[in-house]
């Protein structure tokens, strides 16, 4: 048997079991951002980031690379 996971409080005071991939802080579904961070073509990995780490290219390299390029194609 596995021990029960402890529910942590997000900055918005919502109980959650999800953590930011960049800083490790607890994030709720409402406060977090999900990004595709796949390293190869055969697998798709989704990571959860807090608002601060989502904008930080050092922690979320795929966010800036992918979305800035995609927006540039359609503007």
PDB file of N, CA and C in Angstrom:
ATOM      1  N   UNK A   1       0.827  -1.180   0.000  1.00  0.00           N
ATOM      2  CA  UNK A   1       0.000   0.000   0.000  1.00  0.00           C
ATOM      3  C   UNK A   1       0.874   1.248   0.000  1.00  0.00           C
ATOM      4  N   UNK A   2       0.358   2.275  -0.608  1.00  0.00           N
ATOM      5  CA  UNK A   2       1.042   3.562  -0.643  1.00  0.00           C
ATOM      6  C   UNK A   2       0.393   4.507   0.361  1.00  0.00           C
ATOM      7  N   UNK A   3       1.174   5.379   0.982  1.00  0.00           N
ATOM      8  CA  UNK A   3       0.578   6.347   1.901  1.00  0.00           C
ATOM      9  C   UNK A   3      -0.245   7.371   1.136  1.00  0.00           C
ATOM     10  N   UNK A   4      -1.226   7.927   1.794  1.00  0.00           N
ATOM     11  CA  UNK A   4      -2.068   8.949   1.166  1.00  0.00           C
ATOM     12  C   UNK A   4      -1.232  10.189   0.887  1.00  0.00           C
ATOM     13  N   UNK A   5      -1.511  10.824  -0.248  1.00  0.00           N
ATOM     14  CA  UNK A   5      -0.795  12.043  -0.584  1.00  0.00           C
ATOM     15  C   UNK A   5      -1.347  13.205   0.227  1.00  0.00           C
ATOM     16  N   UNK A   6      -0.463  14.040   0.714  1.00  0.00           N
ATOM     17  CA  UNK A   6      -0.856  15.206   1.486  1.00  0.00           C
ATOM     18  C   UNK A   6      -1.344  16.297   0.537  1.00  0.00           C
ATOM     19  N   UNK A   7      -2.485  16.864   0.844  1.00  0.00           N
ATOM     20  CA  UNK A   7      -3.022  17.953   0.036  1.00  0.00           C
ATOM     21  C   UNK A   7      -2.402  19.258   0.527  1.00  0.00           C
ATOM     22  N   UNK A   8      -1.791  20.006  -0.356  1.00  0.00           N
ATOM     23  CA  UNK A   8      -1.150  21.272  -0.027  1.00  0.00           C
ATOM     24  C   UNK A   8      -2.010  22.428  -0.504  1.00  0.00           C
ATOM     25  N   UNK A   9      -1.809  23.586   0.064  1.00  0.00           N
ATOM     26  CA  UNK A   9      -2.572  24.765  -0.321  1.00  0.00           C
ATOM     27  C   UNK A   9      -1.801  25.579  -1.358  1.00  0.00           C
ATOM     28  N   UNK A  10      -2.496  25.977  -2.388  1.00  0.00           N
ATOM     29  CA  UNK A  10      -1.947  26.832  -3.434  1.00  0.00           C
ATOM     30  C   UNK A  10      -1.933  28.274  -2.912  1.00  0.00           C
ATOM     31  N   UNK A  11      -1.348  29.184  -3.666  1.00  0.00           N
ATOM     32  CA  UNK A  11      -1.340  30.603  -3.290  1.00  0.00           C
ATOM     33  C   UNK A  11      -2.752  31.169  -3.200  1.00  0.00           C
ATOM     34  N   UNK A  12      -3.695  30.574  -3.942  1.00  0.00           N
ATOM     35  CA  UNK A  12      -5.091  31.026  -3.899  1.00  0.00           C
ATOM     36  C   UNK A  12      -5.873  30.328  -2.780  1.00  0.00           C
ATOM     37  N   UNK A  13      -5.201  29.551  -1.938  1.00  0.00           N
ATOM     38  CA  UNK A  13      -5.767  28.837  -0.780  1.00  0.00           C
ATOM     39  C   UNK A  13      -6.600  27.617  -1.171  1.00  0.00           C
ATOM     40  N   UNK A  14      -6.507  27.164  -2.413  1.00  0.00           N
ATOM     41  CA  UNK A  14      -7.186  25.954  -2.854  1.00  0.00           C
ATOM     42  C   UNK A  14      -6.314  24.751  -2.514  1.00  0.00           C
ATOM     43  N   UNK A  15      -6.912  23.704  -1.985  1.00  0.00           N
ATOM     44  CA  UNK A  15      -6.176  22.479  -1.685  1.00  0.00           C
ATOM     45  C   UNK A  15      -5.858  21.761  -2.994  1.00  0.00           C
ATOM     46  N   UNK A  16      -4.624  21.307  -3.136  1.00  0.00           N
ATOM     47  CA  UNK A  16      -4.197  20.674  -4.386  1.00  0.00           C
ATOM     48  C   UNK A  16      -3.089  19.663  -4.130  1.00  0.00           C
ATOM     49  N   UNK A  17      -2.943  18.739  -5.053  1.00  0.00           N
ATOM     50  CA  UNK A  17      -1.835  17.782  -4.978  1.00  0.00           C
ATOM     51  C   UNK A  17      -0.873  17.963  -6.152  1.00  0.00           C
ATOM     52  N   UNK A  18      -1.083  19.010  -6.958  1.00  0.00           N
ATOM     53  CA  UNK A  18      -0.214  19.296  -8.105  1.00  0.00           C
ATOM     54  C   UNK A  18       0.876  20.278  -7.693  1.00  0.00           C
ATOM     55  N   UNK A  19       2.045  20.120  -8.308  1.00  0.00           N
ATOM     56  CA  UNK A  19       3.175  20.985  -8.010  1.00  0.00           C
ATOM     57  C   UNK A  19       3.735  21.569  -9.294  1.00  0.00           C
ATOM     58  N   UNK A  20       4.287  22.775  -9.205  1.00  0.00           N
ATOM     59  CA  UNK A  20       4.925  23.438 -10.337  1.00  0.00           C
ATOM     60  C   UNK A  20       6.204  22.686 -10.693  1.00  0.00           C
ATOM     61  N   UNK A  21       6.421  22.442 -11.971  1.00  0.00           N
ATOM     62  CA  UNK A  21       7.627  21.755 -12.430  1.00  0.00           C
ATOM     63  C   UNK A  21       8.863  22.641 -12.307  1.00  0.00           C
ATOM     64  N   UNK A  22       8.678  23.954 -12.272  1.00  0.00           N
ATOM     65  CA  UNK A  22       9.814  24.863 -12.206  1.00  0.00           C
ATOM     66  C   UNK A  22      10.326  25.111 -10.802  1.00  0.00           C
ATOM     67  N   UNK A  23       9.411  25.400  -9.856  1.00  0.00           N
ATOM     68  CA  UNK A  23       9.842  25.768  -8.506  1.00  0.00           C
ATOM     69  C   UNK A  23       9.386  24.789  -7.437  1.00  0.00           C
ATOM     70  N   UNK A  24       8.457  23.903  -7.748  1.00  0.00           N
ATOM     71  CA  UNK A  24       8.014  22.909  -6.787  1.00  0.00           C
ATOM     72  C   UNK A  24       6.905  23.363  -5.855  1.00  0.00           C
ATOM     73  N   UNK A  25       6.422  24.588  -6.019  1.00  0.00           N
ATOM     74  CA  UNK A  25       5.334  25.080  -5.179  1.00  0.00           C
ATOM     75  C   UNK A  25       4.011  24.433  -5.583  1.00  0.00           C
ATOM     76  N   UNK A  26       3.088  24.255  -4.639  1.00  0.00           N
ATOM     77  CA  UNK A  26       1.784  23.693  -4.993  1.00  0.00           C
ATOM     78  C   UNK A  26       0.988  24.676  -5.850  1.00  0.00           C
ATOM     79  N   UNK A  27       0.326  24.168  -6.872  1.00  0.00           N
ATOM     80  CA  UNK A  27      -0.511  24.993  -7.750  1.00  0.00           C
ATOM     81  C   UNK A  27      -1.850  24.305  -7.974  1.00  0.00           C
ATOM     82  N   UNK A  28      -2.914  25.079  -7.971  1.00  0.00           N
ATOM     83  CA  UNK A  28      -4.241  24.531  -8.226  1.00  0.00           C
ATOM     84  C   UNK A  28      -4.514  24.507  -9.724  1.00  0.00           C
ATOM     85  N   UNK A  29      -5.584  23.895 -10.103  1.00  0.00           N
ATOM     86  CA  UNK A  29      -5.956  23.831 -11.518  1.00  0.00           C
ATOM     87  C   UNK A  29      -6.267  25.220 -12.054  1.00  0.00           C
ATOM     88  N   UNK A  30      -6.824  26.093 -11.219  1.00  0.00           N
ATOM     89  CA  UNK A  30      -7.171  27.443 -11.661  1.00  0.00           C
ATOM     90  C   UNK A  30      -5.945  28.340 -11.811  1.00  0.00           C
ATOM     91  N   UNK A  31      -4.929  28.135 -10.983  1.00  0.00           N
ATOM     92  CA  UNK A  31      -3.735  28.988 -10.998  1.00  0.00           C
ATOM     93  C   UNK A  31      -2.629  28.481 -11.920  1.00  0.00           C
ATOM     94  N   UNK A  32      -2.691  27.235 -12.327  1.00  0.00           N
ATOM     95  CA  UNK A  32      -1.576  26.640 -13.069  1.00  0.00           C
ATOM     96  C   UNK A  32      -1.770  26.746 -14.583  1.00  0.00           C
ATOM     97  N   UNK A  33      -0.669  26.520 -15.279  1.00  0.00           N
ATOM     98  CA  UNK A  33      -0.664  26.478 -16.738  1.00  0.00           C
ATOM     99  C   UNK A  33      -0.044  25.156 -17.151  1.00  0.00           C
ATOM    100  N   UNK A  34      -0.665  24.459 -18.091  1.00  0.00           N
ATOM    101  CA  UNK A  34      -0.126  23.208 -18.596  1.00  0.00           C
ATOM    102  C   UNK A  34       0.563  23.487 -19.929  1.00  0.00           C
ATOM    103  N   UNK A  35       1.750  22.953 -20.071  1.00  0.00           N
ATOM    104  CA  UNK A  35       2.536  23.126 -21.297  1.00  0.00           C
ATOM    105  C   UNK A  35       3.008  21.771 -21.801  1.00  0.00           C
ATOM    106  N   UNK A  36       3.070  21.625 -23.113  1.00  0.00           N
ATOM    107  CA  UNK A  36       3.627  20.420 -23.725  1.00  0.00           C
ATOM    108  C   UNK A  36       5.146  20.568 -23.703  1.00  0.00           C
ATOM    109  N   UNK A  37       5.826  19.583 -23.115  1.00  0.00           N
ATOM    110  CA  UNK A  37       7.282  19.663 -22.976  1.00  0.00           C
ATOM    111  C   UNK A  37       7.958  18.404 -23.512  1.00  0.00           C
ATOM    112  N   UNK A  38       7.462  17.866 -24.596  1.00  0.00           N
ATOM    113  CA  UNK A  38       7.998  16.622 -25.141  1.00  0.00           C
ATOM    114  C   UNK A  38       9.428  16.780 -25.609  1.00  0.00           C
ATOM    115  N   UNK A  39      10.188  15.724 -25.418  1.00  0.00           N
ATOM    116  CA  UNK A  39      11.584  15.712 -25.844  1.00  0.00           C
ATOM    117  C   UNK A  39      11.771  14.937 -27.149  1.00  0.00           C
ATOM    118  N   UNK A  40      10.827  14.083 -27.504  1.00  0.00           N
ATOM    119  CA  UNK A  40      10.923  13.356 -28.769  1.00  0.00           C
ATOM    120  C   UNK A  40       9.534  13.262 -29.399  1.00  0.00           C
ATOM    121  N   UNK A  41       9.482  12.751 -30.614  1.00  0.00           N
ATOM    122  CA  UNK A  41       8.224  12.726 -31.367  1.00  0.00           C
ATOM    123  C   UNK A  41       7.279  11.605 -30.954  1.00  0.00           C
ATOM    124  N   UNK A  42       7.763  10.606 -30.241  1.00  0.00           N
ATOM    125  CA  UNK A  42       6.923   9.461 -29.896  1.00  0.00           C
ATOM    126  C   UNK A  42       6.152   9.620 -28.595  1.00  0.00           C
ATOM    127  N   UNK A  43       6.561  10.541 -27.757  1.00  0.00           N
ATOM    128  CA  UNK A  43       5.881  10.730 -26.482  1.00  0.00           C
ATOM    129  C   UNK A  43       5.472  12.186 -26.302  1.00  0.00           C
ATOM    130  N   UNK A  44       4.381  12.374 -25.609  1.00  0.00           N
ATOM    131  CA  UNK A  44       3.913  13.711 -25.283  1.00  0.00           C
ATOM    132  C   UNK A  44       3.912  13.825 -23.770  1.00  0.00           C
ATOM    133  N   UNK A  45       4.617  14.803 -23.253  1.00  0.00           N
ATOM    134  CA  UNK A  45       4.665  15.034 -21.813  1.00  0.00           C
ATOM    135  C   UNK A  45       4.045  16.400 -21.524  1.00  0.00           C
ATOM    136  N   UNK A  46       3.225  16.449 -20.494  1.00  0.00           N
ATOM    137  CA  UNK A  46       2.578  17.683 -20.077  1.00  0.00           C
ATOM    138  C   UNK A  46       3.148  18.070 -18.718  1.00  0.00           C
ATOM    139  N   UNK A  47       3.588  19.305 -18.586  1.00  0.00           N
ATOM    140  CA  UNK A  47       4.098  19.809 -17.312  1.00  0.00           C
ATOM    141  C   UNK A  47       3.204  20.932 -16.823  1.00  0.00           C
ATOM    142  N   UNK A  48       3.147  21.073 -15.510  1.00  0.00           N
ATOM    143  CA  UNK A  48       2.345  22.108 -14.873  1.00  0.00           C
ATOM    144  C   UNK A  48       3.270  23.177 -14.318  1.00  0.00           C
ATOM    145  N   UNK A  49       2.955  24.440 -14.591  1.00  0.00           N
ATOM    146  CA  UNK A  49       3.771  25.557 -14.137  1.00  0.00           C
ATOM    147  C   UNK A  49       2.919  26.591 -13.420  1.00  0.00           C
ATOM    148  N   UNK A  50       3.530  27.272 -12.448  1.00  0.00           N
ATOM    149  CA  UNK A  50       2.873  28.407 -11.798  1.00  0.00           C
ATOM    150  C   UNK A  50       3.014  29.612 -12.738  1.00  0.00           C
ATOM    151  N   UNK A  51       2.287  30.707 -12.489  1.00  0.00           N
ATOM    152  CA  UNK A  51       2.385  31.870 -13.390  1.00  0.00           C
ATOM    153  C   UNK A  51       3.802  32.433 -13.516  1.00  0.00           C
ATOM    154  N   UNK A  52       4.580  32.436 -12.434  1.00  0.00           N
ATOM    155  CA  UNK A  52       5.941  32.983 -12.500  1.00  0.00           C
ATOM    156  C   UNK A  52       6.858  32.107 -13.347  1.00  0.00           C
ATOM    157  N   UNK A  53       6.793  30.793 -13.168  1.00  0.00           N
ATOM    158  CA  UNK A  53       7.668  29.882 -13.918  1.00  0.00           C
ATOM    159  C   UNK A  53       7.231  29.738 -15.372  1.00  0.00           C
ATOM    160  N   UNK A  54       5.970  29.967 -15.660  1.00  0.00           N
ATOM    161  CA  UNK A  54       5.494  29.885 -17.042  1.00  0.00           C
ATOM    162  C   UNK A  54       6.186  30.927 -17.914  1.00  0.00           C
ATOM    163  N   UNK A  55       6.423  32.103 -17.360  1.00  0.00           N
ATOM    164  CA  UNK A  55       7.049  33.193 -18.109  1.00  0.00           C
ATOM    165  C   UNK A  55       8.578  33.146 -18.077  1.00  0.00           C
ATOM    166  N   UNK A  56       9.162  32.297 -17.253  1.00  0.00           N
ATOM    167  CA  UNK A  56      10.610  32.222 -17.114  1.00  0.00           C
ATOM    168  C   UNK A  56      11.182  31.238 -18.133  1.00  0.00           C
ATOM    169  N   UNK A  57      11.913  31.705 -19.155  1.00  0.00           N
ATOM    170  CA  UNK A  57      12.454  30.791 -20.164  1.00  0.00           C
ATOM    171  C   UNK A  57      13.490  29.812 -19.614  1.00  0.00           C
ATOM    172  N   UNK A  58      14.069  30.100 -18.471  1.00  0.00           N
ATOM    173  CA  UNK A  58      15.009  29.179 -17.861  1.00  0.00           C
ATOM    174  C   UNK A  58      14.329  27.948 -17.290  1.00  0.00           C
ATOM    175  N   UNK A  59      13.072  28.077 -16.909  1.00  0.00           N
ATOM    176  CA  UNK A  59      12.331  26.959 -16.328  1.00  0.00           C
ATOM    177  C   UNK A  59      11.334  26.345 -17.300  1.00  0.00           C
ATOM    178  N   UNK A  60      10.794  27.144 -18.209  1.00  0.00           N
ATOM    179  CA  UNK A  60       9.820  26.673 -19.187  1.00  0.00           C
ATOM    180  C   UNK A  60      10.318  27.031 -20.585  1.00  0.00           C
ATOM    181  N   UNK A  61      11.310  26.284 -21.042  1.00  0.00           N
ATOM    182  CA  UNK A  61      11.929  26.611 -22.331  1.00  0.00           C
ATOM    183  C   UNK A  61      10.978  26.424 -23.503  1.00  0.00           C
ATOM    184  N   UNK A  62      10.087  25.459 -23.407  1.00  0.00           N
ATOM    185  CA  UNK A  62       9.186  25.187 -24.526  1.00  0.00           C
ATOM    186  C   UNK A  62       8.112  26.246 -24.680  1.00  0.00           C
ATOM    187  N   UNK A  63       7.711  26.887 -23.610  1.00  0.00           N
ATOM    188  CA  UNK A  63       6.654  27.901 -23.683  1.00  0.00           C
ATOM    189  C   UNK A  63       7.023  29.027 -24.629  1.00  0.00           C
ATOM    190  N   UNK A  64       8.173  29.626 -24.415  1.00  0.00           N
ATOM    191  CA  UNK A  64       8.602  30.743 -25.250  1.00  0.00           C
ATOM    192  C   UNK A  64       8.936  30.290 -26.671  1.00  0.00           C
ATOM    193  N   UNK A  65       9.629  29.187 -26.805  1.00  0.00           N
ATOM    194  CA  UNK A  65      10.009  28.709 -28.135  1.00  0.00           C
ATOM    195  C   UNK A  65       8.795  28.383 -28.998  1.00  0.00           C
ATOM    196  N   UNK A  66       7.850  27.666 -28.438  1.00  0.00           N
ATOM    197  CA  UNK A  66       6.705  27.216 -29.215  1.00  0.00           C
ATOM    198  C   UNK A  66       5.706  28.331 -29.458  1.00  0.00           C
ATOM    199  N   UNK A  67       5.248  28.990 -28.402  1.00  0.00           N
ATOM    200  CA  UNK A  67       4.162  29.959 -28.559  1.00  0.00           C
ATOM    201  C   UNK A  67       4.590  31.207 -29.291  1.00  0.00           C
ATOM    202  N   UNK A  68       5.802  31.715 -29.062  1.00  0.00           N
ATOM    203  CA  UNK A  68       6.252  32.901 -29.784  1.00  0.00           C
ATOM    204  C   UNK A  68       6.356  32.616 -31.278  1.00  0.00           C
ATOM    205  N   UNK A  69       6.837  31.440 -31.643  1.00  0.00           N
ATOM    206  CA  UNK A  69       6.916  31.059 -33.048  1.00  0.00           C
ATOM    207  C   UNK A  69       5.531  30.897 -33.654  1.00  0.00           C
ATOM    208  N   UNK A  70       4.635  30.267 -32.914  1.00  0.00           N
ATOM    209  CA  UNK A  70       3.277  30.037 -33.413  1.00  0.00           C
ATOM    210  C   UNK A  70       2.539  31.354 -33.606  1.00  0.00           C
ATOM    211  N   UNK A  71       2.650  32.272 -32.661  1.00  0.00           N
ATOM    212  CA  UNK A  71       1.992  33.572 -32.786  1.00  0.00           C
ATOM    213  C   UNK A  71       2.576  34.324 -33.960  1.00  0.00           C
ATOM    214  N   UNK A  72       3.881  34.213 -34.174  1.00  0.00           N
ATOM    215  CA  UNK A  72       4.521  34.898 -35.291  1.00  0.00           C
ATOM    216  C   UNK A  72       4.032  34.405 -36.657  1.00  0.00           C
ATOM    217  N   UNK A  73       3.597  33.173 -36.723  1.00  0.00           N
ATOM    218  CA  UNK A  73       3.088  32.646 -37.997  1.00  0.00           C
ATOM    219  C   UNK A  73       1.743  33.236 -38.378  1.00  0.00           C
ATOM    220  N   UNK A  74       0.953  33.639 -37.392  1.00  0.00           N
ATOM    221  CA  UNK A  74      -0.419  34.079 -37.652  1.00  0.00           C
ATOM    222  C   UNK A  74      -0.634  35.570 -37.445  1.00  0.00           C
ATOM    223  N   UNK A  75       0.425  36.331 -37.199  1.00  0.00           N
ATOM    224  CA  UNK A  75       0.235  37.776 -37.035  1.00  0.00           C
ATOM    225  C   UNK A  75       0.887  38.545 -38.162  1.00  0.00           C
TER     226      UNK A  75
END
